[in-house]
Structures are given as structure tokens and as C-alpha cells.
Amino acid sequence: MSHNALKNTAPGGTSNRYRWFVLANVSVGTFMATLDSSIVNVALPTINTVFQTSLQTVQWVVTAYLLVISSLLPVFGRTADLLGRKRVYSFGFIVFTLGSALCGLAPNIWFLVGMRVFQAIGASMLMANSAAIITATFPPRERGRALGLTGTVVALGSLAGPAVGGILVGLAGWRSIFYVNLPIGIIGYLAARVVLPNDKSAGMSETFDFKGAILFTLGMVSLLLGINNGQDWGWTSLPVLAGLVLGILLLGSFFITELRVKHPMIDLSLFRNWPFLAGNLSGLLSFVAIFGNFMLMPFYLQHILNYDPTKVGMIMTSFPLVMAVAAPISGYASDRIGPVALTTGGLLFSAAGLFYLAHVSATSSAWQVIPGPLLMGLGAGLFNSPNNSSVMSAVPPQKLGLAGGVNALVRNVGMVVGIAFSVTLFENRQTAILAKVSNPSVLQQTAAFMTAYHTVMLAGMGVALVAVLISLNRKGYAKADPVKVS
């Protein structure tokens, strides 16, 4: 069967087989983009040593990537509506792949951070349009299932990063975590040009909300810059306070603008829907809690337990492996019993995993550490698929693409905040303990590290428990009314 024939043999303009080819291509881009949000975590200690920099500086290798994506997701989603999703999505592969190559060639830490920003521009093109492409390709009766699978790919990509990164760093060095993207990106681009449908752009029939885009981008950058530098510069310092205040003012102006323009970048009326709002809030808090551990755990395993990167990666593989098993089962079950019990139970398991890690020691064996990420992997697997399904089912079909973009935005903001929150709390606690000792010994430094690490884990557990309360009150499983595909 020819490509065109394959596309036109089913209602909605695509055959069943062709639709799943589209989903496969979108999943490749989504997985690659989200994988790189966390794949460098295990490599941070190595990069820190090679470039002889501080924890606050090397943190920007991760944070800059997430910050740029968080700022540009709605912008590229709207750009694709005007120029065509296939065009923007496929070009995203080119930008991302070129950025990956330049990251691998980085001669110093700030060049690496700059190329991570460039790489993130391509990633935001991919992530902003994945849900919209799927929505346009799949009929209503299959959209929830397809979007649920994409949500699982997102979670696996985000959380498998440390495991894959650890293995690559141990076998081929830290630069390999970027070079591995090159063949995947090239194949993804070629497949996108062949497989993705030629969608019609809105052209000049709708206007681009330039004012809203500028206000949102600058507001997110200012706010997140303030959050991420609060520990390094001081929370009461002028630059941090200016960033926080400016970010709040700009985002406030953005919300006012969106209520007034004819074609807003983000339809704020979605947030009046409680199941949609509750799902995004609990998802945000879930990523805040989880990423606190994924930022610090590699340092605990390498600097305290003295494990090599390969062993660190193998230990952290337990998280995505358990999640990969639990996620599809949970998604299948949520169609029958609804999301509340599964999402709430998943968050409780995540909280239990964080509580367990709050009691590991500087002499724990690998088998004593693994139950923590196992519990968290089970929790994430139970939570993500039903939560994504609940969020996407809470909006009408014509807004599924926008809802998917907002869901991706919330997820990335959760990662950024989780990293900043964990590093700030960790550094404050460790500094407070060592301030009482004039010349701390190795044993005292280790004890301070462990106390600070335990504090972050308990705080993450508290965040997860707040998400539990929100998830319990999402008031059932709101399904969008199905519509016929013309």
C-alpha cells in the first residue's frame, strides 16, 4: 500500500496502521527531548571534576535546558499552529541534533551551558507539538489512549536519563551522552519528513500573540532565574528579589493580556475545570518531589558510597524498569476504575520511597539503597498514565492539543523548581551544620552531607503528600464529550 493510500483508508484521513507510525515518530522525538532533561545528572560529578567548577555552576547544565523549554513551549506550540506542525516539529530534530553535537564538543562549562540552551530550543519544538500532532491524527475514540502512551514515554524519558547516562559515562565518557543523540536525531528527522501528515497552517487567518509570547518568556526566565540563583546569590539579594518580582509582574501582565486578545497563546479558561487543574497541580508537585532526589542521588552514590558511574546508573535503572512495568497496567486499569485511586496510591508510594531514602546511611550497601528508587518507580508508574488520561479527558476534543502543551509546560516547571528546591535546601542545611565546625574532618563532612540529603528527602515526601490531598479531591473522572471526525 502506498504512503498516500495508507493515509486515506480510515475516517479522519489516516489508516489505523499509519496513525501508529505517526505516534512512533512523535514518541522518538518526545523521548529524546525528555531524556536529555535528566541524562546529564549522573555525569554532573564527572563534568564538575573535568571543568573544575562548583555545584551551583554545574547545576546550570541541567537547569538551563529545563528553563529554556519551560519558557518556549507555548511559543513554539502557537508558532506551529500558524506555520504547520510538521514543519516546526521536523526542524526541531535538526536544531536538537546540532545542539547535541556542539554539547559534546564543549571546551568549557559555560560553552556547554550555552549549547544546552541551543539544544533546548530544538527540544521545545519537539515537545510543544507532540500532543497536537497526535490529536490531529487520531480520532476521538483513540486520542486518550495515544496521549496516555505519549505521557508514559515522557515519564520514561525523563526518569531513565540518569540510568542511561551512568552507563554511557562509565563506558565512553561524559561526552557520549550527547553524541548518542546524533543518529537518533537524524533518523527522527527523516522519518518525520516521510511519516508526518502535511497539516494545514492557520496562515494569516489568525494572528500570533507576540505581546503574550514576550511577556510569558521573559516572565518565566526572570522568575526561574531568581529561584535558581536564590541559594548562590542570597534570597534577599537585589538580583534575586528583582528577578522574582519582575517575573511575577510579567506573568501577571501575561495573564491579563491573554484574557483580552482574540487569539491567546494559552486559553486560561481551561484552568476553571477542576479535574484539569487538579491533575496539573498534582503532576507539578510529583515532579518537584521526584527531581529533588534525582538531582542529589548521584552525588550520594558517587561521593559518599564511592560507586563508579556505571554502578550508579545500574542502581538508578531500578526506577524506570519498575515504572515501565507499572505504567501500562495502571493506564489500562484507569479506563475501568478511574484515576483517583491509582494516582493517589502512586503518590503515596513515591512518598514512601522518599521516606525510605531519608534513612539510608554513609555505609549502606547497594541492596539497601535500591528499595527507595523501586518504591518511587512504582509510584510514578501508577501515577503518570492515569493522571495524564484524567487531564486530557477533562477538556473537549478541540482543546486536546493545547491541554497537552500545558501539561508539558507544568511538567518542566516542576523539574526546574524541584532542582532549585533540592539544591537550595541541601546547601543551606549542609552549610548550617558545617558552620559550627572550624576545620571539619572527612567524617564530619560526610555526616553533614547525609543530614542535608535526609532533609531534602523528607521535604520531598511532604510535597508528595500535598499532591496526595489534591489528587484525592479531583472529583471523579471527567470525560470529554466525543465528537465525530469528519
Foldseek 3Di string as FASTA:
>chain_A
DDQQVQQQPDFLRHHPVLLVLLLVLLLLLLLVLLLLLQLCLLVLVVLCVVQVDDPLLSLLLNQLLLLLLLLCLLVLLVVCQAVNLLVLQLVLLVQLLVLLVQLLVDPHSVSNSVSSNSNSVSSSSSQSCSLVLSLSRDAPVCSLVSLLVSLLSSVLSNQLSLLVSLQCCVPPRNSVSSVVSNVSSVVSSVSSVRRRDGDDHPHPVDDDPPLLSVLSNQLSNLQLVLLSCCQVQPNPDPSSVCSNVSSVVSVVVSVVVQVPDPDHSADPVLCVQLLLVLLLLLLLLLLLLVLLCSNCVSCLCCVLVNDGSNVSSVLSNLQSVLLVVLQVVLLVVCVPVNQLVQQLVLLLLLLVLLLQLLPDASPDDSVSNSSSSNSNSNSCSSRRSRSSSLNQFSDASVCSSSSSSVSVSSNSVSNSNSNSVSVSQLVVQLCVQCVVPDDDDPVSSRVSNSNSSSVSSNVSSVSSVVSSVSSNPSPTRRGHDGDDRD
